[in-house]
C-alpha atoms as a PDB file:
ATOM      1  CA  UNK A   1       5.562 -35.303 -14.039  1.00  0.00           C
ATOM      2  CA  UNK A   2       4.739 -31.675 -13.191  1.00  0.00           C
ATOM      3  CA  UNK A   3       7.771 -29.571 -13.945  1.00  0.00           C
ATOM      4  CA  UNK A   4       8.981 -27.474 -11.190  1.00  0.00           C
ATOM      5  CA  UNK A   5       8.671 -23.384 -12.012  1.00  0.00           C
ATOM      6  CA  UNK A   6      10.199 -20.703  -9.004  1.00  0.00           C
ATOM      7  CA  UNK A   7       8.200 -17.609  -9.315  1.00  0.00           C
ATOM      8  CA  UNK A   8      10.685 -14.990  -7.488  1.00  0.00           C
ATOM      9  CA  UNK A   9       8.786 -11.592  -6.467  1.00  0.00           C
ATOM     10  CA  UNK A  10       8.869  -8.507  -4.763  1.00  0.00           C
ATOM     11  CA  UNK A  11      12.605  -7.144  -4.012  1.00  0.00           C
ATOM     12  CA  UNK A  12      14.651  -4.271  -3.015  1.00  0.00           C
ATOM     13  CA  UNK A  13      13.148  -1.592  -5.622  1.00  0.00           C
ATOM     14  CA  UNK A  14      10.911   0.954  -5.872  1.00  0.00           C
ATOM     15  CA  UNK A  15       8.716  -1.278  -8.604  1.00  0.00           C
ATOM     16  CA  UNK A  16       8.294  -3.773  -5.094  1.00  0.00           C
ATOM     17  CA  UNK A  17       4.410  -3.328  -5.686  1.00  0.00           C
ATOM     18  CA  UNK A  18       4.044  -3.455  -9.412  1.00  0.00           C
ATOM     19  CA  UNK A  19       6.053  -7.270  -8.859  1.00  0.00           C
ATOM     20  CA  UNK A  20       4.205  -8.129  -6.880  1.00  0.00           C
ATOM     21  CA  UNK A  21       1.274  -7.805  -9.330  1.00  0.00           C
ATOM     22  CA  UNK A  22       2.676  -9.094 -12.138  1.00  0.00           C
ATOM     23  CA  UNK A  23       3.351 -12.179  -9.942  1.00  0.00           C
ATOM     24  CA  UNK A  24      -0.278 -12.252  -9.233  1.00  0.00           C
ATOM     25  CA  UNK A  25      -1.392 -12.558 -12.716  1.00  0.00           C
ATOM     26  CA  UNK A  26       1.487 -14.697 -13.620  1.00  0.00           C
ATOM     27  CA  UNK A  27       0.063 -17.146 -10.955  1.00  0.00           C
ATOM     28  CA  UNK A  28      -3.693 -16.345 -12.112  1.00  0.00           C
ATOM     29  CA  UNK A  29      -2.736 -17.265 -15.811  1.00  0.00           C
ATOM     30  CA  UNK A  30       0.033 -20.303 -15.364  1.00  0.00           C
ATOM     31  CA  UNK A  31      -0.800 -23.596 -15.968  1.00  0.00           C
ATOM     32  CA  UNK A  32      -0.871 -25.138 -12.961  1.00  0.00           C
ATOM     33  CA  UNK A  33      -1.599 -29.011 -14.974  1.00  0.00           C
ATOM     34  CA  UNK A  34       1.591 -28.408 -16.278  1.00  0.00           C
ATOM     35  CA  UNK A  35       3.949 -26.705 -13.343  1.00  0.00           C
ATOM     36  CA  UNK A  36       4.611 -27.223  -9.659  1.00  0.00           C
ATOM     37  CA  UNK A  37       4.906 -23.877  -8.822  1.00  0.00           C
ATOM     38  CA  UNK A  38       7.354 -22.440  -5.887  1.00  0.00           C
ATOM     39  CA  UNK A  39       7.245 -18.900  -4.512  1.00  0.00           C
ATOM     40  CA  UNK A  40       9.952 -16.766  -3.605  1.00  0.00           C
ATOM     41  CA  UNK A  41       8.866 -13.696  -2.064  1.00  0.00           C
ATOM     42  CA  UNK A  42      12.176 -10.982  -1.682  1.00  0.00           C
ATOM     43  CA  UNK A  43      11.075  -8.375   1.081  1.00  0.00           C
ATOM     44  CA  UNK A  44      11.878  -4.628   0.508  1.00  0.00           C
ATOM     45  CA  UNK A  45      14.784  -5.412   2.848  1.00  0.00           C
ATOM     46  CA  UNK A  46      15.936  -8.162   0.906  1.00  0.00           C
ATOM     47  CA  UNK A  47      15.246 -10.957   2.804  1.00  0.00           C
ATOM     48  CA  UNK A  48      14.229 -14.047   0.596  1.00  0.00           C
ATOM     49  CA  UNK A  49      11.320 -16.156   2.019  1.00  0.00           C
ATOM     50  CA  UNK A  50       9.298 -18.872   1.052  1.00  0.00           C
ATOM     51  CA  UNK A  51       5.414 -18.328   1.056  1.00  0.00           C
ATOM     52  CA  UNK A  52       2.642 -20.633   0.128  1.00  0.00           C
ATOM     53  CA  UNK A  53       0.039 -17.720  -0.477  1.00  0.00           C
ATOM     54  CA  UNK A  54       0.802 -14.997  -2.693  1.00  0.00           C
ATOM     55  CA  UNK A  55      -2.616 -13.070  -0.976  1.00  0.00           C
ATOM     56  CA  UNK A  56      -0.602 -13.870   2.618  1.00  0.00           C
ATOM     57  CA  UNK A  57       2.939 -12.206   2.332  1.00  0.00           C
ATOM     58  CA  UNK A  58       3.214 -12.588   6.175  1.00  0.00           C
ATOM     59  CA  UNK A  59       3.324 -16.266   6.303  1.00  0.00           C
ATOM     60  CA  UNK A  60       5.800 -17.069   5.167  1.00  0.00           C
ATOM     61  CA  UNK A  61       9.798 -19.177   6.448  1.00  0.00           C
ATOM     62  CA  UNK A  62      13.124 -17.331   5.460  1.00  0.00           C
ATOM     63  CA  UNK A  63      15.520 -19.453   3.257  1.00  0.00           C
ATOM     64  CA  UNK A  64      19.163 -20.146   3.994  1.00  0.00           C
ATOM     65  CA  UNK A  65      20.344 -21.635   1.258  1.00  0.00           C
ATOM     66  CA  UNK A  66      20.078 -22.463  -2.543  1.00  0.00           C
ATOM     67  CA  UNK A  67      19.035 -25.665  -1.963  1.00  0.00           C
ATOM     68  CA  UNK A  68      15.165 -24.775  -2.976  1.00  0.00           C
ATOM     69  CA  UNK A  69      16.762 -24.751  -6.322  1.00  0.00           C
ATOM     70  CA  UNK A  70      17.710 -28.007  -7.253  1.00  0.00           C
ATOM     71  CA  UNK A  71      15.678 -29.894  -9.891  1.00  0.00           C
ATOM     72  CA  UNK A  72      14.447 -26.526 -11.162  1.00  0.00           C
ATOM     73  CA  UNK A  73      12.895 -26.751 -14.686  1.00  0.00           C
ATOM     74  CA  UNK A  74      13.267 -22.568 -14.748  1.00  0.00           C
ATOM     75  CA  UNK A  75      13.210 -19.682 -12.709  1.00  0.00           C
ATOM     76  CA  UNK A  76      10.526 -16.831 -13.499  1.00  0.00           C
ATOM     77  CA  UNK A  77      12.096 -13.478 -11.759  1.00  0.00           C
ATOM     78  CA  UNK A  78       9.392 -11.419 -11.811  1.00  0.00           C
ATOM     79  CA  UNK A  79      11.530  -8.487 -10.518  1.00  0.00           C
ATOM     80  CA  UNK A  80      11.498  -5.056 -11.846  1.00  0.00           C
ATOM     81  CA  UNK A  81      14.035  -2.565 -11.557  1.00  0.00           C
ATOM     82  CA  UNK A  82      17.296  -2.021  -9.627  1.00  0.00           C
ATOM     83  CA  UNK A  83      18.175  -6.088  -7.534  1.00  0.00           C
ATOM     84  CA  UNK A  84      15.863  -7.838 -10.312  1.00  0.00           C
ATOM     85  CA  UNK A  85      16.202  -5.742 -13.735  1.00  0.00           C
ATOM     86  CA  UNK A  86      20.004  -4.955 -13.613  1.00  0.00           C
ATOM     87  CA  UNK A  87      21.688  -8.318 -13.948  1.00  0.00           C
ATOM     88  CA  UNK A  88      22.238  -9.184 -10.350  1.00  0.00           C
ATOM     89  CA  UNK A  89      19.884 -11.786 -10.024  1.00  0.00           C
ATOM     90  CA  UNK A  90      20.685 -13.312 -13.426  1.00  0.00           C
ATOM     91  CA  UNK A  91      24.358 -13.043 -12.550  1.00  0.00           C
ATOM     92  CA  UNK A  92      23.687 -15.276  -9.367  1.00  0.00           C
ATOM     93  CA  UNK A  93      21.801 -17.771 -11.134  1.00  0.00           C
ATOM     94  CA  UNK A  94      24.696 -18.059 -13.696  1.00  0.00           C
ATOM     95  CA  UNK A  95      26.566 -18.909 -10.984  1.00  0.00           C
ATOM     96  CA  UNK A  96      24.522 -21.528  -9.237  1.00  0.00           C
ATOM     97  CA  UNK A  97      23.424 -22.995 -12.461  1.00  0.00           C
ATOM     98  CA  UNK A  98      19.597 -22.403 -12.292  1.00  0.00           C
ATOM     99  CA  UNK A  99      17.878 -21.470 -15.711  1.00  0.00           C
ATOM    100  CA  UNK A 100      15.829 -18.420 -15.785  1.00  0.00           C
ATOM    101  CA  UNK A 101      13.472 -16.476 -17.820  1.00  0.00           C
ATOM    102  CA  UNK A 102      14.641 -13.295 -19.846  1.00  0.00           C
ATOM    103  CA  UNK A 103      17.693 -11.525 -20.612  1.00  0.00           C
ATOM    104  CA  UNK A 104      21.580 -12.429 -18.984  1.00  0.00           C
ATOM    105  CA  UNK A 105      23.558 -10.507 -17.005  1.00  0.00           C
ATOM    106  CA  UNK A 106      25.172  -8.211 -19.632  1.00  0.00           C
ATOM    107  CA  UNK A 107      21.982  -7.610 -21.509  1.00  0.00           C
ATOM    108  CA  UNK A 108      20.138  -6.526 -18.793  1.00  0.00           C
ATOM    109  CA  UNK A 109      22.311  -4.816 -16.995  1.00  0.00           C
ATOM    110  CA  UNK A 110      23.103  -2.437 -20.321  1.00  0.00           C
ATOM    111  CA  UNK A 111      19.311  -1.880 -20.750  1.00  0.00           C
ATOM    112  CA  UNK A 112      18.958  -1.125 -17.267  1.00  0.00           C
ATOM    113  CA  UNK A 113      21.058   1.626 -17.400  1.00  0.00           C
ATOM    114  CA  UNK A 114      19.438   4.040 -19.811  1.00  0.00           C
ATOM    115  CA  UNK A 115      23.195   5.788 -20.115  1.00  0.00           C
ATOM    116  CA  UNK A 116      24.588   2.703 -21.592  1.00  0.00           C
ATOM    117  CA  UNK A 117      21.309   2.015 -23.530  1.00  0.00           C
ATOM    118  CA  UNK A 118      21.844   5.097 -25.030  1.00  0.00           C
ATOM    119  CA  UNK A 119      25.434   4.837 -25.892  1.00  0.00           C
ATOM    120  CA  UNK A 120      25.304   1.642 -27.318  1.00  0.00           C
ATOM    121  CA  UNK A 121      22.085   2.525 -29.369  1.00  0.00           C
ATOM    122  CA  UNK A 122      24.106   5.804 -30.968  1.00  0.00           C
ATOM    123  CA  UNK A 123      26.551   3.440 -32.159  1.00  0.00           C
ATOM    124  CA  UNK A 124      24.328   1.391 -34.537  1.00  0.00           C
ATOM    125  CA  UNK A 125      22.608   4.560 -35.351  1.00  0.00           C
ATOM    126  CA  UNK A 126      19.366   4.246 -33.925  1.00  0.00           C
ATOM    127  CA  UNK A 127      17.434   7.695 -33.577  1.00  0.00           C
ATOM    128  CA  UNK A 128      17.159   9.094 -29.910  1.00  0.00           C
ATOM    129  CA  UNK A 129      16.063  12.188 -28.529  1.00  0.00           C
ATOM    130  CA  UNK A 130      18.941  14.498 -27.398  1.00  0.00           C
ATOM    131  CA  UNK A 131      20.237  13.808 -23.878  1.00  0.00           C
ATOM    132  CA  UNK A 132      23.040  14.256 -21.616  1.00  0.00           C
ATOM    133  CA  UNK A 133      24.567  12.045 -18.720  1.00  0.00           C
ATOM    134  CA  UNK A 134      25.236  13.871 -15.551  1.00  0.00           C
ATOM    135  CA  UNK A 135      27.117  11.732 -12.381  1.00  0.00           C
ATOM    136  CA  UNK A 136      25.754  12.834  -8.688  1.00  0.00           C
ATOM    137  CA  UNK A 137      29.681  13.921  -7.580  1.00  0.00           C
ATOM    138  CA  UNK A 138      30.880  15.193 -11.166  1.00  0.00           C
ATOM    139  CA  UNK A 139      28.621  17.836 -12.670  1.00  0.00           C
ATOM    140  CA  UNK A 140      28.526  21.627 -13.531  1.00  0.00           C
ATOM    141  CA  UNK A 141      25.250  22.999 -13.153  1.00  0.00           C
ATOM    142  CA  UNK A 142      26.149  25.839 -15.572  1.00  0.00           C
ATOM    143  CA  UNK A 143      27.735  23.651 -18.068  1.00  0.00           C
ATOM    144  CA  UNK A 144      24.248  21.801 -17.692  1.00  0.00           C
ATOM    145  CA  UNK A 145      22.528  24.961 -17.918  1.00  0.00           C
ATOM    146  CA  UNK A 146      24.145  26.290 -21.151  1.00  0.00           C
ATOM    147  CA  UNK A 147      23.617  22.644 -22.626  1.00  0.00           C
ATOM    148  CA  UNK A 148      19.852  22.772 -21.912  1.00  0.00           C
ATOM    149  CA  UNK A 149      19.607  26.254 -23.261  1.00  0.00           C
ATOM    150  CA  UNK A 150      21.631  25.395 -26.761  1.00  0.00           C
ATOM    151  CA  UNK A 151      20.784  22.143 -27.820  1.00  0.00           C
ATOM    152  CA  UNK A 152      17.853  20.274 -25.530  1.00  0.00           C
ATOM    153  CA  UNK A 153      15.364  23.267 -24.850  1.00  0.00           C
ATOM    154  CA  UNK A 154      12.558  23.299 -22.368  1.00  0.00           C
ATOM    155  CA  UNK A 155      10.826  21.497 -21.698  1.00  0.00           C
ATOM    156  CA  UNK A 156      13.104  18.691 -20.830  1.00  0.00           C
ATOM    157  CA  UNK A 157      12.932  15.640 -18.619  1.00  0.00           C
ATOM    158  CA  UNK A 158      15.023  14.391 -16.084  1.00  0.00           C
ATOM    159  CA  UNK A 159      15.089  10.714 -15.171  1.00  0.00           C
ATOM    160  CA  UNK A 160      17.049   8.691 -13.235  1.00  0.00           C
ATOM    161  CA  UNK A 161      19.618   6.125 -15.160  1.00  0.00           C
ATOM    162  CA  UNK A 162      18.380   3.145 -13.839  1.00  0.00           C
ATOM    163  CA  UNK A 163      14.957   3.099 -12.606  1.00  0.00           C
ATOM    164  CA  UNK A 164      11.520   1.581 -14.170  1.00  0.00           C
ATOM    165  CA  UNK A 165       8.006   2.174 -14.462  1.00  0.00           C
ATOM    166  CA  UNK A 166       8.515   6.460 -14.519  1.00  0.00           C
ATOM    167  CA  UNK A 167       9.929   6.104 -11.162  1.00  0.00           C
ATOM    168  CA  UNK A 168      11.418   9.734 -10.125  1.00  0.00           C
ATOM    169  CA  UNK A 169      10.939  11.249 -13.571  1.00  0.00           C
ATOM    170  CA  UNK A 170       9.718  14.857 -13.932  1.00  0.00           C
ATOM    171  CA  UNK A 171       9.347  16.975 -16.999  1.00  0.00           C
ATOM    172  CA  UNK A 172      11.068  20.296 -16.361  1.00  0.00           C
ATOM    173  CA  UNK A 173       9.543  23.464 -18.080  1.00  0.00           C
ATOM    174  CA  UNK A 174      11.944  26.277 -17.204  1.00  0.00           C
ATOM    175  CA  UNK A 175      15.449  26.808 -15.573  1.00  0.00           C
ATOM    176  CA  UNK A 176      14.347  27.638 -12.158  1.00  0.00           C
ATOM    177  CA  UNK A 177      12.967  24.278 -11.701  1.00  0.00           C
ATOM    178  CA  UNK A 178      16.182  22.542 -12.569  1.00  0.00           C
ATOM    179  CA  UNK A 179      18.088  22.340  -9.506  1.00  0.00           C
ATOM    180  CA  UNK A 180      15.480  20.663  -7.361  1.00  0.00           C
ATOM    181  CA  UNK A 181      14.510  18.101 -10.272  1.00  0.00           C
ATOM    182  CA  UNK A 182      17.762  17.459 -10.502  1.00  0.00           C
ATOM    183  CA  UNK A 183      18.494  16.524  -7.069  1.00  0.00           C
ATOM    184  CA  UNK A 184      14.837  14.788  -6.905  1.00  0.00           C
ATOM    185  CA  UNK A 185      16.136  12.368  -9.490  1.00  0.00           C
ATOM    186  CA  UNK A 186      19.598  11.745  -7.549  1.00  0.00           C
ATOM    187  CA  UNK A 187      17.109   9.731  -4.582  1.00  0.00           C
ATOM    188  CA  UNK A 188      16.847   7.370  -7.050  1.00  0.00           C
ATOM    189  CA  UNK A 189      20.012   7.005  -8.496  1.00  0.00           C
ATOM    190  CA  UNK A 190      24.088   7.930  -8.720  1.00  0.00           C
ATOM    191  CA  UNK A 191      23.544   8.751 -12.686  1.00  0.00           C
ATOM    192  CA  UNK A 192      20.406  10.931 -14.209  1.00  0.00           C
ATOM    193  CA  UNK A 193      19.459  11.586 -17.460  1.00  0.00           C
ATOM    194  CA  UNK A 194      18.751  15.122 -18.792  1.00  0.00           C
ATOM    195  CA  UNK A 195      16.600  14.349 -22.259  1.00  0.00           C
ATOM    196  CA  UNK A 196      14.528  16.309 -25.135  1.00  0.00           C
ATOM    197  CA  UNK A 197      11.178  16.661 -25.181  1.00  0.00           C
ATOM    198  CA  UNK A 198       9.547  14.924 -28.294  1.00  0.00           C
ATOM    199  CA  UNK A 199       6.258  15.901 -29.138  1.00  0.00           C
ATOM    200  CA  UNK A 200       4.738  12.915 -30.177  1.00  0.00           C
ATOM    201  CA  UNK A 201       2.862   9.763 -29.766  1.00  0.00           C
ATOM    202  CA  UNK A 202       4.045   7.160 -27.497  1.00  0.00           C
ATOM    203  CA  UNK A 203       4.374   3.827 -29.447  1.00  0.00           C
ATOM    204  CA  UNK A 204       5.382   0.052 -28.025  1.00  0.00           C
ATOM    205  CA  UNK A 205       6.332  -3.131 -29.465  1.00  0.00           C
ATOM    206  CA  UNK A 206       6.994  -6.657 -27.964  1.00  0.00           C
ATOM    207  CA  UNK A 207       9.964  -8.976 -28.663  1.00  0.00           C
ATOM    208  CA  UNK A 208       9.828 -12.528 -27.453  1.00  0.00           C
ATOM    209  CA  UNK A 209      12.779 -15.334 -28.456  1.00  0.00           C
ATOM    210  CA  UNK A 210      16.044 -15.770 -28.275  1.00  0.00           C
ATOM    211  CA  UNK A 211      18.036 -15.793 -32.107  1.00  0.00           C
ATOM    212  CA  UNK A 212      14.178 -16.342 -33.627  1.00  0.00           C
ATOM    213  CA  UNK A 213      12.571 -13.585 -32.475  1.00  0.00           C
ATOM    214  CA  UNK A 214       8.789 -12.742 -32.561  1.00  0.00           C
ATOM    215  CA  UNK A 215       8.008  -8.804 -32.715  1.00  0.00           C
ATOM    216  CA  UNK A 216       4.506  -8.256 -31.649  1.00  0.00           C
ATOM    217  CA  UNK A 217       1.630  -5.450 -33.486  1.00  0.00           C
ATOM    218  CA  UNK A 218       2.934  -1.922 -32.454  1.00  0.00           C
ATOM    219  CA  UNK A 219       0.503  -0.360 -29.501  1.00  0.00           C
ATOM    220  CA  UNK A 220      -0.271   3.064 -28.663  1.00  0.00           C
ATOM    221  CA  UNK A 221      -0.132   4.733 -24.826  1.00  0.00           C
ATOM    222  CA  UNK A 222      -2.730   7.622 -24.752  1.00  0.00           C
ATOM    223  CA  UNK A 223      -1.650   8.781 -20.873  1.00  0.00           C
ATOM    224  CA  UNK A 224      -3.465  10.638 -18.895  1.00  0.00           C
ATOM    225  CA  UNK A 225      -1.036  12.760 -17.648  1.00  0.00           C
ATOM    226  CA  UNK A 226       1.207  15.236 -19.627  1.00  0.00           C
ATOM    227  CA  UNK A 227       3.596  12.173 -19.602  1.00  0.00           C
ATOM    228  CA  UNK A 228       3.137   8.091 -18.965  1.00  0.00           C
ATOM    229  CA  UNK A 229       3.965   8.843 -15.002  1.00  0.00           C
ATOM    230  CA  UNK A 230       3.666   6.060 -12.707  1.00  0.00           C
ATOM    231  CA  UNK A 231       0.464   7.522 -11.265  1.00  0.00           C
ATOM    232  CA  UNK A 232      -0.822   7.632 -15.318  1.00  0.00           C
ATOM    233  CA  UNK A 233       0.449   3.948 -15.532  1.00  0.00           C
ATOM    234  CA  UNK A 234      -1.035   2.423 -12.741  1.00  0.00           C
ATOM    235  CA  UNK A 235      -3.287   4.749 -10.661  1.00  0.00           C
ATOM    236  CA  UNK A 236      -5.244   6.187 -13.263  1.00  0.00           C
ATOM    237  CA  UNK A 237      -8.351   4.626 -15.159  1.00  0.00           C
ATOM    238  CA  UNK A 238      -7.911   7.387 -17.761  1.00  0.00           C
ATOM    239  CA  UNK A 239      -4.812   6.519 -19.386  1.00  0.00           C
ATOM    240  CA  UNK A 240      -5.801   4.270 -22.886  1.00  0.00           C
ATOM    241  CA  UNK A 241      -3.947   1.539 -24.578  1.00  0.00           C
ATOM    242  CA  UNK A 242      -5.061   1.279 -28.517  1.00  0.00           C
ATOM    243  CA  UNK A 243      -3.540  -2.278 -30.056  1.00  0.00           C
ATOM    244  CA  UNK A 244      -2.721  -1.938 -32.659  1.00  0.00           C
ATOM    245  CA  UNK A 245      -2.149   1.592 -32.891  1.00  0.00           C
ATOM    246  CA  UNK A 246      -3.125   3.478 -35.864  1.00  0.00           C
ATOM    247  CA  UNK A 247      -0.298   4.115 -38.001  1.00  0.00           C
ATOM    248  CA  UNK A 248       0.556   3.592 -41.709  1.00  0.00           C
ATOM    249  CA  UNK A 249       1.826   0.105 -42.622  1.00  0.00           C
ATOM    250  CA  UNK A 250       5.472   1.524 -43.764  1.00  0.00           C
ATOM    251  CA  UNK A 251       5.982   3.489 -40.034  1.00  0.00           C
ATOM    252  CA  UNK A 252       4.708   0.422 -38.844  1.00  0.00           C
ATOM    253  CA  UNK A 253       7.394  -2.070 -39.968  1.00  0.00           C
ATOM    254  CA  UNK A 254       9.967   0.732 -39.949  1.00  0.00           C
ATOM    255  CA  UNK A 255       9.468   0.726 -36.034  1.00  0.00           C
ATOM    256  CA  UNK A 256       9.241  -3.201 -35.968  1.00  0.00           C
ATOM    257  CA  UNK A 257      12.582  -3.205 -37.722  1.00  0.00           C
ATOM    258  CA  UNK A 258      13.910  -0.903 -35.385  1.00  0.00           C
ATOM    259  CA  UNK A 259      12.933  -2.603 -32.446  1.00  0.00           C
ATOM    260  CA  UNK A 260      14.472  -5.814 -33.752  1.00  0.00           C
ATOM    261  CA  UNK A 261      18.012  -4.163 -34.439  1.00  0.00           C
ATOM    262  CA  UNK A 262      18.172  -2.871 -30.521  1.00  0.00           C
ATOM    263  CA  UNK A 263      17.326  -6.067 -29.390  1.00  0.00           C
ATOM    264  CA  UNK A 264      20.260  -7.932 -31.116  1.00  0.00           C
ATOM    265  CA  UNK A 265      22.836  -5.104 -30.853  1.00  0.00           C
ATOM    266  CA  UNK A 266      21.849  -5.179 -26.800  1.00  0.00           C
ATOM    267  CA  UNK A 267      22.275  -9.519 -27.156  1.00  0.00           C
ATOM    268  CA  UNK A 268      18.470  -9.519 -25.475  1.00  0.00           C
ATOM    269  CA  UNK A 269      16.805 -12.676 -24.870  1.00  0.00           C
ATOM    270  CA  UNK A 270      13.744 -14.096 -23.752  1.00  0.00           C
ATOM    271  CA  UNK A 271      11.850 -10.804 -23.618  1.00  0.00           C
ATOM    272  CA  UNK A 272      11.615  -6.928 -24.184  1.00  0.00           C
ATOM    273  CA  UNK A 273       9.516  -4.585 -24.248  1.00  0.00           C
ATOM    274  CA  UNK A 274      10.797  -1.476 -26.184  1.00  0.00           C
ATOM    275  CA  UNK A 275       8.801   1.921 -26.081  1.00  0.00           C
ATOM    276  CA  UNK A 276       9.219   4.770 -28.925  1.00  0.00           C
ATOM    277  CA  UNK A 277       8.051   8.414 -29.952  1.00  0.00           C
ATOM    278  CA  UNK A 278       6.478   8.981 -33.284  1.00  0.00           C
ATOM    279  CA  UNK A 279       6.923  13.209 -33.626  1.00  0.00           C
ATOM    280  CA  UNK A 280       3.897  14.607 -34.481  1.00  0.00           C
ATOM    281  CA  UNK A 281       5.131  16.999 -37.190  1.00  0.00           C
ATOM    282  CA  UNK A 282       7.817  15.095 -38.845  1.00  0.00           C
ATOM    283  CA  UNK A 283       6.770  11.379 -38.402  1.00  0.00           C
ATOM    284  CA  UNK A 284      10.311  10.449 -37.327  1.00  0.00           C
ATOM    285  CA  UNK A 285      10.789   7.686 -35.100  1.00  0.00           C
ATOM    286  CA  UNK A 286      13.066   7.953 -31.855  1.00  0.00           C
ATOM    287  CA  UNK A 287      13.749   4.790 -29.348  1.00  0.00           C
ATOM    288  CA  UNK A 288      12.932   5.600 -26.120  1.00  0.00           C
ATOM    289  CA  UNK A 289      14.124   2.920 -23.951  1.00  0.00           C
ATOM    290  CA  UNK A 290      13.933  -1.005 -23.604  1.00  0.00           C
ATOM    291  CA  UNK A 291      12.172  -3.150 -20.662  1.00  0.00           C
ATOM    292  CA  UNK A 292      13.844  -6.429 -20.380  1.00  0.00           C
ATOM    293  CA  UNK A 293      11.227  -7.344 -17.710  1.00  0.00           C
ATOM    294  CA  UNK A 294       8.267  -5.565 -18.008  1.00  0.00           C
ATOM    295  CA  UNK A 295       5.207  -5.561 -16.117  1.00  0.00           C
ATOM    296  CA  UNK A 296       2.659  -8.467 -16.353  1.00  0.00           C
ATOM    297  CA  UNK A 297      -0.463  -7.132 -14.151  1.00  0.00           C
ATOM    298  CA  UNK A 298      -3.490  -7.073 -15.794  1.00  0.00           C
ATOM    299  CA  UNK A 299      -3.498  -3.861 -17.558  1.00  0.00           C
ATOM    300  CA  UNK A 300       0.256  -4.214 -18.874  1.00  0.00           C
ATOM    301  CA  UNK A 301       1.482  -3.376 -22.416  1.00  0.00           C
ATOM    302  CA  UNK A 302       3.475  -6.535 -23.282  1.00  0.00           C
ATOM    303  CA  UNK A 303       0.823  -9.351 -22.292  1.00  0.00           C
ATOM    304  CA  UNK A 304      -1.847  -7.407 -24.163  1.00  0.00           C
ATOM    305  CA  UNK A 305       0.521  -6.861 -27.333  1.00  0.00           C
ATOM    306  CA  UNK A 306       1.342 -10.803 -27.567  1.00  0.00           C
ATOM    307  CA  UNK A 307      -2.854 -11.082 -26.998  1.00  0.00           C
ATOM    308  CA  UNK A 308      -3.282  -9.159 -29.938  1.00  0.00           C
ATOM    309  CA  UNK A 309      -1.555 -11.323 -32.287  1.00  0.00           C
ATOM    310  CA  UNK A 310      -3.144 -14.403 -31.031  1.00  0.00           C
ATOM    311  CA  UNK A 311      -0.610 -15.430 -28.078  1.00  0.00           C
ATOM    312  CA  UNK A 312      -2.858 -15.757 -25.032  1.00  0.00           C
ATOM    313  CA  UNK A 313      -1.362 -15.093 -21.529  1.00  0.00           C
ATOM    314  CA  UNK A 314      -1.078 -18.727 -20.559  1.00  0.00           C
ATOM    315  CA  UNK A 315       0.878 -19.366 -23.861  1.00  0.00           C
ATOM    316  CA  UNK A 316       3.026 -16.600 -23.550  1.00  0.00           C
ATOM    317  CA  UNK A 317       4.243 -17.317 -20.167  1.00  0.00           C
ATOM    318  CA  UNK A 318       4.829 -21.340 -21.219  1.00  0.00           C
ATOM    319  CA  UNK A 319       6.917 -20.132 -24.443  1.00  0.00           C
ATOM    320  CA  UNK A 320       9.092 -17.834 -21.761  1.00  0.00           C
ATOM    321  CA  UNK A 321       9.751 -20.593 -19.622  1.00  0.00           C
ATOM    322  CA  UNK A 322      10.938 -22.609 -22.513  1.00  0.00           C
ATOM    323  CA  UNK A 323      13.147 -19.840 -24.044  1.00  0.00           C
ATOM    324  CA  UNK A 324      14.660 -19.624 -20.710  1.00  0.00           C
ATOM    325  CA  UNK A 325      15.483 -23.502 -20.203  1.00  0.00           C
ATOM    326  CA  UNK A 326      16.336 -23.151 -24.265  1.00  0.00           C
ATOM    327  CA  UNK A 327      19.245 -20.793 -23.398  1.00  0.00           C
ATOM    328  CA  UNK A 328      20.547 -22.980 -20.413  1.00  0.00           C
ATOM    329  CA  UNK A 329      20.678 -25.847 -21.771  1.00  0.00           C
ATOM    330  CA  UNK A 330      22.562 -24.155 -24.951  1.00  0.00           C
ATOM    331  CA  UNK A 331      25.373 -22.895 -22.147  1.00  0.00           C
ATOM    332  CA  UNK A 332      25.647 -26.175 -20.567  1.00  0.00           C
ATOM    333  CA  UNK A 333      28.606 -28.399 -21.660  1.00  0.00           C
END
């Protein structure tokens, strides 16, 4: 008998379109002989609807209650960014007692909010770029200018605390550009981060597992733009992914160890992609961010990293579903 899987995609997020692309990839590779797949599409306005064809999203039926989740083996919420990767939907599934792929409410929320991620990682001694946290309703632009001038320096990055896929991130080269970019980042979140620019290589690892975890090989991003912007990720053919990255074994081992340490400290489960910088002049390793529901498109790093270590896309989906179910069964009394 096939296991009932519910694939949820879309969502009230700036990453709505990326979620649809990820869902299409999962639907292409998932074992249809093993799973009975139900598709739930969440519109940009937050309407939940049942659809039969992911390529015909206008042909859908509104969902009015949670009875659709009855007898569900596991939900795969392939939702990126706000209202999907930030703990909200995870809390909903916990309340209605439904198993799901990925991190729980607390881990999702902590990793989605880059400010809280940084605070946790600071407390366990993981090296990060210098940063300041700025709240929309309580900041002093002169103080920010002074901190940047004395500590962070230019160029620096300004980014929303809660966003993914490089949405709302800008590189600021001069003080006269500062206020405009701060206000621009506040369009995406009430809290932003101003961060030191690390000149170095962009490296990433994937993690798979709950308690016993697998860390992928280290991959490298060679972005088409000055940094790995949204356009460089999804709209440019000039960005290059190298798996495995050409780095010495000592650095590779250290990156994997730091990734494990961060994953466990934030109590992640199921999966995450963890991004690093390797500084050019010193080979120092800086943790950049943690993504608890990374992209699953045909060009996304996470599935490519595991394919490189022999875990095919279809098998990866199986493992993630089983991990979600296992986490749920351990919670049920």
